[in-house]
Amino acid sequence: EKEIKPSKEYVHQCKHCLTVYDAKTGEPENDIAAGTAFESLSGDYTCPLCEGPKNDFVKKGKEELGLQAI
């Protein structure tokens, strides 16, 4: 039998302060609903911690960052 691997999950990480945006949770404190894809955030989205611009976020696999898949 083949082992079924979970599908790879991605997050976007700010390259300045390493804050992670996870579409699964969104940013409720900033009125961004859970399930909102990073790509669909407005172009003027900034990091909630350091205010780095959206284009300074890097797409990373959760396992690269040692984050648990939920």
PDB file of N, CA and C in Angstrom:
ATOM      1  N   GLU A   1       0.826  -1.197   0.000  1.00  0.00           N
ATOM      2  CA  GLU A   1       0.000   0.000   0.000  1.00  0.00           C
ATOM      3  C   GLU A   1       0.865   1.254   0.000  1.00  0.00           C
ATOM      4  N   LYS A   2       0.384   2.232  -0.749  1.00  0.00           N
ATOM      5  CA  LYS A   2       1.122   3.499  -0.802  1.00  0.00           C
ATOM      6  C   LYS A   2       0.783   4.330   0.416  1.00  0.00           C
ATOM      7  N   GLU A   3       1.799   5.010   0.926  1.00  0.00           N
ATOM      8  CA  GLU A   3       1.559   5.930   2.034  1.00  0.00           C
ATOM      9  C   GLU A   3       0.988   7.216   1.456  1.00  0.00           C
ATOM     10  N   ILE A   4      -0.104   7.684   2.037  1.00  0.00           N
ATOM     11  CA  ILE A   4      -0.723   8.915   1.562  1.00  0.00           C
ATOM     12  C   ILE A   4      -0.115  10.086   2.326  1.00  0.00           C
ATOM     13  N   LYS A   5       0.529  10.980   1.577  1.00  0.00           N
ATOM     14  CA  LYS A   5       1.130  12.148   2.211  1.00  0.00           C
ATOM     15  C   LYS A   5       0.106  13.275   2.232  1.00  0.00           C
ATOM     16  N   PRO A   6       0.081  14.020   3.324  1.00  0.00           N
ATOM     17  CA  PRO A   6      -0.847  15.155   3.339  1.00  0.00           C
ATOM     18  C   PRO A   6      -0.432  16.174   2.278  1.00  0.00           C
ATOM     19  N   SER A   7      -1.405  16.898   1.745  1.00  0.00           N
ATOM     20  CA  SER A   7      -1.060  17.894   0.737  1.00  0.00           C
ATOM     21  C   SER A   7      -0.214  18.975   1.402  1.00  0.00           C
ATOM     22  N   LYS A   8       0.691  19.510   0.632  1.00  0.00           N
ATOM     23  CA  LYS A   8       1.614  20.505   1.168  1.00  0.00           C
ATOM     24  C   LYS A   8       0.851  21.798   1.476  1.00  0.00           C
ATOM     25  N   GLU A   9       1.104  22.329   2.651  1.00  0.00           N
ATOM     26  CA  GLU A   9       0.453  23.565   3.040  1.00  0.00           C
ATOM     27  C   GLU A   9       1.475  24.695   3.039  1.00  0.00           C
ATOM     28  N   TYR A  10       1.035  25.835   2.546  1.00  0.00           N
ATOM     29  CA  TYR A  10       1.920  26.983   2.438  1.00  0.00           C
ATOM     30  C   TYR A  10       1.450  28.142   3.308  1.00  0.00           C
ATOM     31  N   VAL A  11       2.404  28.933   3.726  1.00  0.00           N
ATOM     32  CA  VAL A  11       2.137  30.187   4.407  1.00  0.00           C
ATOM     33  C   VAL A  11       3.015  31.239   3.722  1.00  0.00           C
ATOM     34  N   HIS A  12       2.806  32.489   4.055  1.00  0.00           N
ATOM     35  CA  HIS A  12       3.645  33.571   3.537  1.00  0.00           C
ATOM     36  C   HIS A  12       4.313  34.237   4.723  1.00  0.00           C
ATOM     37  N   GLN A  13       5.631  34.404   4.635  1.00  0.00           N
ATOM     38  CA  GLN A  13       6.396  34.921   5.764  1.00  0.00           C
ATOM     39  C   GLN A  13       7.066  36.242   5.389  1.00  0.00           C
ATOM     40  N   CYS A  14       6.937  37.209   6.276  1.00  0.00           N
ATOM     41  CA  CYS A  14       7.585  38.512   6.084  1.00  0.00           C
ATOM     42  C   CYS A  14       9.101  38.327   6.177  1.00  0.00           C
ATOM     43  N   LYS A  15       9.821  38.821   5.176  1.00  0.00           N
ATOM     44  CA  LYS A  15      11.268  38.620   5.191  1.00  0.00           C
ATOM     45  C   LYS A  15      11.979  39.560   6.161  1.00  0.00           C
ATOM     46  N   HIS A  16      11.264  40.521   6.713  1.00  0.00           N
ATOM     47  CA  HIS A  16      11.873  41.460   7.652  1.00  0.00           C
ATOM     48  C   HIS A  16      11.782  40.963   9.101  1.00  0.00           C
ATOM     49  N   CYS A  17      10.560  40.614   9.534  1.00  0.00           N
ATOM     50  CA  CYS A  17      10.381  40.261  10.951  1.00  0.00           C
ATOM     51  C   CYS A  17       9.946  38.813  11.145  1.00  0.00           C
ATOM     52  N   LEU A  18       9.762  38.080  10.035  1.00  0.00           N
ATOM     53  CA  LEU A  18       9.407  36.650  10.050  1.00  0.00           C
ATOM     54  C   LEU A  18       7.984  36.367  10.513  1.00  0.00           C
ATOM     55  N   THR A  19       7.131  37.388  10.546  1.00  0.00           N
ATOM     56  CA  THR A  19       5.710  37.170  10.819  1.00  0.00           C
ATOM     57  C   THR A  19       5.143  36.286   9.717  1.00  0.00           C
ATOM     58  N   VAL A  20       4.254  35.365  10.087  1.00  0.00           N
ATOM     59  CA  VAL A  20       3.665  34.432   9.131  1.00  0.00           C
ATOM     60  C   VAL A  20       2.204  34.779   8.892  1.00  0.00           C
ATOM     61  N   TYR A  21       1.806  34.854   7.611  1.00  0.00           N
ATOM     62  CA  TYR A  21       0.393  34.959   7.245  1.00  0.00           C
ATOM     63  C   TYR A  21      -0.055  33.582   6.812  1.00  0.00           C
ATOM     64  N   ASP A  22      -1.059  33.055   7.491  1.00  0.00           N
ATOM     65  CA  ASP A  22      -1.617  31.741   7.165  1.00  0.00           C
ATOM     66  C   ASP A  22      -3.058  31.938   6.731  1.00  0.00           C
ATOM     67  N   ALA A  23      -3.348  31.589   5.476  1.00  0.00           N
ATOM     68  CA  ALA A  23      -4.698  31.777   4.937  1.00  0.00           C
ATOM     69  C   ALA A  23      -5.743  31.017   5.745  1.00  0.00           C
ATOM     70  N   LYS A  24      -5.360  29.891   6.371  1.00  0.00           N
ATOM     71  CA  LYS A  24      -6.327  29.116   7.152  1.00  0.00           C
ATOM     72  C   LYS A  24      -6.907  29.916   8.305  1.00  0.00           C
ATOM     73  N   THR A  25      -6.082  30.770   8.906  1.00  0.00           N
ATOM     74  CA  THR A  25      -6.551  31.547  10.053  1.00  0.00           C
ATOM     75  C   THR A  25      -6.858  32.992   9.698  1.00  0.00           C
ATOM     76  N   GLY A  26      -6.270  33.499   8.596  1.00  0.00           N
ATOM     77  CA  GLY A  26      -6.473  34.898   8.240  1.00  0.00           C
ATOM     78  C   GLY A  26      -5.892  35.803   9.316  1.00  0.00           C
ATOM     79  N   GLU A  27      -6.451  37.001   9.428  1.00  0.00           N
ATOM     80  CA  GLU A  27      -6.056  37.939  10.487  1.00  0.00           C
ATOM     81  C   GLU A  27      -7.322  38.578  11.025  1.00  0.00           C
ATOM     82  N   PRO A  28      -8.029  37.847  11.891  1.00  0.00           N
ATOM     83  CA  PRO A  28      -9.313  38.374  12.382  1.00  0.00           C
ATOM     84  C   PRO A  28      -9.180  39.752  13.020  1.00  0.00           C
ATOM     85  N   GLU A  29      -8.028  40.004  13.661  1.00  0.00           N
ATOM     86  CA  GLU A  29      -7.821  41.292  14.316  1.00  0.00           C
ATOM     87  C   GLU A  29      -7.714  42.436  13.310  1.00  0.00           C
ATOM     88  N   ASN A  30      -7.480  42.099  12.034  1.00  0.00           N
ATOM     89  CA  ASN A  30      -7.398  43.109  10.972  1.00  0.00           C
ATOM     90  C   ASN A  30      -8.524  42.935   9.949  1.00  0.00           C
ATOM     91  N   ASP A  31      -9.601  42.272  10.368  1.00  0.00           N
ATOM     92  CA  ASP A  31     -10.773  42.052   9.513  1.00  0.00           C
ATOM     93  C   ASP A  31     -10.472  41.257   8.250  1.00  0.00           C
ATOM     94  N   ILE A  32      -9.500  40.333   8.350  1.00  0.00           N
ATOM     95  CA  ILE A  32      -9.217  39.419   7.237  1.00  0.00           C
ATOM     96  C   ILE A  32      -9.728  38.046   7.667  1.00  0.00           C
ATOM     97  N   ALA A  33     -10.766  37.583   6.987  1.00  0.00           N
ATOM     98  CA  ALA A  33     -11.439  36.348   7.377  1.00  0.00           C
ATOM     99  C   ALA A  33     -10.558  35.128   7.149  1.00  0.00           C
ATOM    100  N   ALA A  34     -10.749  34.114   7.998  1.00  0.00           N
ATOM    101  CA  ALA A  34     -10.081  32.829   7.795  1.00  0.00           C
ATOM    102  C   ALA A  34     -10.449  32.319   6.408  1.00  0.00           C
ATOM    103  N   GLY A  35      -9.481  31.724   5.733  1.00  0.00           N
ATOM    104  CA  GLY A  35      -9.727  31.208   4.389  1.00  0.00           C
ATOM    105  C   GLY A  35      -9.397  32.212   3.290  1.00  0.00           C
ATOM    106  N   THR A  36      -8.940  33.420   3.659  1.00  0.00           N
ATOM    107  CA  THR A  36      -8.580  34.432   2.660  1.00  0.00           C
ATOM    108  C   THR A  36      -7.183  34.143   2.125  1.00  0.00           C
ATOM    109  N   ALA A  37      -7.103  33.833   0.832  1.00  0.00           N
ATOM    110  CA  ALA A  37      -5.809  33.531   0.209  1.00  0.00           C
ATOM    111  C   ALA A  37      -4.922  34.771   0.225  1.00  0.00           C
ATOM    112  N   PHE A  38      -3.627  34.548   0.430  1.00  0.00           N
ATOM    113  CA  PHE A  38      -2.674  35.664   0.440  1.00  0.00           C
ATOM    114  C   PHE A  38      -2.767  36.451  -0.867  1.00  0.00           C
ATOM    115  N   GLU A  39      -2.904  35.722  -1.967  1.00  0.00           N
ATOM    116  CA  GLU A  39      -2.950  36.364  -3.283  1.00  0.00           C
ATOM    117  C   GLU A  39      -4.144  37.304  -3.418  1.00  0.00           C
ATOM    118  N   SER A  40      -5.203  37.069  -2.648  1.00  0.00           N
ATOM    119  CA  SER A  40      -6.381  37.918  -2.782  1.00  0.00           C
ATOM    120  C   SER A  40      -6.396  39.094  -1.795  1.00  0.00           C
ATOM    121  N   LEU A  41      -5.351  39.202  -0.974  1.00  0.00           N
ATOM    122  CA  LEU A  41      -5.240  40.378  -0.110  1.00  0.00           C
ATOM    123  C   LEU A  41      -4.969  41.598  -0.985  1.00  0.00           C
ATOM    124  N   SER A  42      -5.408  42.756  -0.540  1.00  0.00           N
ATOM    125  CA  SER A  42      -5.217  43.964  -1.353  1.00  0.00           C
ATOM    126  C   SER A  42      -3.732  44.259  -1.531  1.00  0.00           C
ATOM    127  N   GLY A  43      -3.403  44.950  -2.598  1.00  0.00           N
ATOM    128  CA  GLY A  43      -2.025  45.284  -2.912  1.00  0.00           C
ATOM    129  C   GLY A  43      -1.366  46.163  -1.869  1.00  0.00           C
ATOM    130  N   ASP A  44      -2.174  46.853  -1.070  1.00  0.00           N
ATOM    131  CA  ASP A  44      -1.595  47.719  -0.038  1.00  0.00           C
ATOM    132  C   ASP A  44      -1.522  47.028   1.325  1.00  0.00           C
ATOM    133  N   TYR A  45      -1.720  45.690   1.326  1.00  0.00           N
ATOM    134  CA  TYR A  45      -1.568  44.918   2.561  1.00  0.00           C
ATOM    135  C   TYR A  45      -0.152  45.097   3.079  1.00  0.00           C
ATOM    136  N   THR A  46      -0.022  45.278   4.390  1.00  0.00           N
ATOM    137  CA  THR A  46       1.302  45.349   5.005  1.00  0.00           C
ATOM    138  C   THR A  46       1.366  44.395   6.186  1.00  0.00           C
ATOM    139  N   CYS A  47       2.563  44.026   6.561  1.00  0.00           N
ATOM    140  CA  CYS A  47       2.788  43.157   7.701  1.00  0.00           C
ATOM    141  C   CYS A  47       2.196  43.807   8.951  1.00  0.00           C
ATOM    142  N   PRO A  48       1.405  43.059   9.718  1.00  0.00           N
ATOM    143  CA  PRO A  48       0.795  43.640  10.916  1.00  0.00           C
ATOM    144  C   PRO A  48       1.803  43.990  12.004  1.00  0.00           C
ATOM    145  N   LEU A  49       3.010  43.425  11.925  1.00  0.00           N
ATOM    146  CA  LEU A  49       4.004  43.692  12.957  1.00  0.00           C
ATOM    147  C   LEU A  49       4.959  44.823  12.558  1.00  0.00           C
ATOM    148  N   CYS A  50       5.567  44.711  11.362  1.00  0.00           N
ATOM    149  CA  CYS A  50       6.594  45.694  10.991  1.00  0.00           C
ATOM    150  C   CYS A  50       6.183  46.602   9.834  1.00  0.00           C
ATOM    151  N   GLU A  51       4.984  46.358   9.293  1.00  0.00           N
ATOM    152  CA  GLU A  51       4.445  47.154   8.184  1.00  0.00           C
ATOM    153  C   GLU A  51       5.230  46.998   6.883  1.00  0.00           C
ATOM    154  N   GLY A  52       5.947  45.877   6.756  1.00  0.00           N
ATOM    155  CA  GLY A  52       6.609  45.574   5.487  1.00  0.00           C
ATOM    156  C   GLY A  52       5.553  45.363   4.409  1.00  0.00           C
ATOM    157  N   PRO A  53       5.860  45.730   3.154  1.00  0.00           N
ATOM    158  CA  PRO A  53       4.878  45.594   2.078  1.00  0.00           C
ATOM    159  C   PRO A  53       4.586  44.137   1.711  1.00  0.00           C
ATOM    160  N   LYS A  54       3.410  43.946   1.092  1.00  0.00           N
ATOM    161  CA  LYS A  54       2.970  42.601   0.707  1.00  0.00           C
ATOM    162  C   LYS A  54       4.024  41.887  -0.137  1.00  0.00           C
ATOM    163  N   ASN A  55       4.698  42.605  -1.028  1.00  0.00           N
ATOM    164  CA  ASN A  55       5.666  41.928  -1.913  1.00  0.00           C
ATOM    165  C   ASN A  55       6.956  41.542  -1.197  1.00  0.00           C
ATOM    166  N   ASP A  56       7.066  41.842   0.096  1.00  0.00           N
ATOM    167  CA  ASP A  56       8.215  41.381   0.876  1.00  0.00           C
ATOM    168  C   ASP A  56       7.903  40.103   1.651  1.00  0.00           C
ATOM    169  N   PHE A  57       6.759  39.480   1.360  1.00  0.00           N
ATOM    170  CA  PHE A  57       6.419  38.186   1.960  1.00  0.00           C
ATOM    171  C   PHE A  57       6.880  37.083   1.020  1.00  0.00           C
ATOM    172  N   VAL A  58       7.398  36.006   1.604  1.00  0.00           N
ATOM    173  CA  VAL A  58       7.926  34.881   0.833  1.00  0.00           C
ATOM    174  C   VAL A  58       7.056  33.659   1.112  1.00  0.00           C
ATOM    175  N   LYS A  59       6.670  32.967   0.033  1.00  0.00           N
ATOM    176  CA  LYS A  59       5.854  31.752   0.176  1.00  0.00           C
ATOM    177  C   LYS A  59       6.733  30.620   0.667  1.00  0.00           C
ATOM    178  N   LYS A  60       6.316  29.973   1.752  1.00  0.00           N
ATOM    179  CA  LYS A  60       7.095  28.866   2.320  1.00  0.00           C
ATOM    180  C   LYS A  60       6.156  27.730   2.692  1.00  0.00           C
ATOM    181  N   GLY A  61       6.672  26.504   2.608  1.00  0.00           N
ATOM    182  CA  GLY A  61       5.914  25.353   3.068  1.00  0.00           C
ATOM    183  C   GLY A  61       5.917  25.322   4.593  1.00  0.00           C
ATOM    184  N   LYS A  62       4.781  24.950   5.176  1.00  0.00           N
ATOM    185  CA  LYS A  62       4.697  24.910   6.644  1.00  0.00           C
ATOM    186  C   LYS A  62       5.771  24.023   7.250  1.00  0.00           C
ATOM    187  N   GLU A  63       6.084  22.907   6.581  1.00  0.00           N
ATOM    188  CA  GLU A  63       7.070  22.005   7.175  1.00  0.00           C
ATOM    189  C   GLU A  63       8.466  22.622   7.151  1.00  0.00           C
ATOM    190  N   GLU A  64       8.742  23.530   6.205  1.00  0.00           N
ATOM    191  CA  GLU A  64      10.042  24.226   6.196  1.00  0.00           C
ATOM    192  C   GLU A  64      10.220  25.045   7.474  1.00  0.00           C
ATOM    193  N   LEU A  65       9.127  25.580   7.959  1.00  0.00           N
ATOM    194  CA  LEU A  65       9.176  26.445   9.140  1.00  0.00           C
ATOM    195  C   LEU A  65       8.953  25.672  10.426  1.00  0.00           C
ATOM    196  N   GLY A  66       8.698  24.367  10.281  1.00  0.00           N
ATOM    197  CA  GLY A  66       8.448  23.545  11.463  1.00  0.00           C
ATOM    198  C   GLY A  66       7.077  23.796  12.062  1.00  0.00           C
ATOM    199  N   LEU A  67       6.140  24.291  11.239  1.00  0.00           N
ATOM    200  CA  LEU A  67       4.793  24.559  11.734  1.00  0.00           C
ATOM    201  C   LEU A  67       3.934  23.305  11.562  1.00  0.00           C
ATOM    202  N   GLN A  68       3.085  23.077  12.512  1.00  0.00           N
ATOM    203  CA  GLN A  68       2.169  21.943  12.437  1.00  0.00           C
ATOM    204  C   GLN A  68       1.073  22.217  11.424  1.00  0.00           C
ATOM    205  N   ALA A  69       0.760  21.254  10.611  1.00  0.00           N
ATOM    206  CA  ALA A  69      -0.407  21.360   9.743  1.00  0.00           C
ATOM    207  C   ALA A  69      -1.638  21.198  10.619  1.00  0.00           C
ATOM    208  N   ILE A  70      -2.605  22.053  10.426  1.00  0.00           N
ATOM    209  CA  ILE A  70      -3.807  22.024  11.289  1.00  0.00           C
ATOM    210  C   ILE A  70      -4.897  21.210  10.605  1.00  0.00           C
TER     211      ILE A  70
END
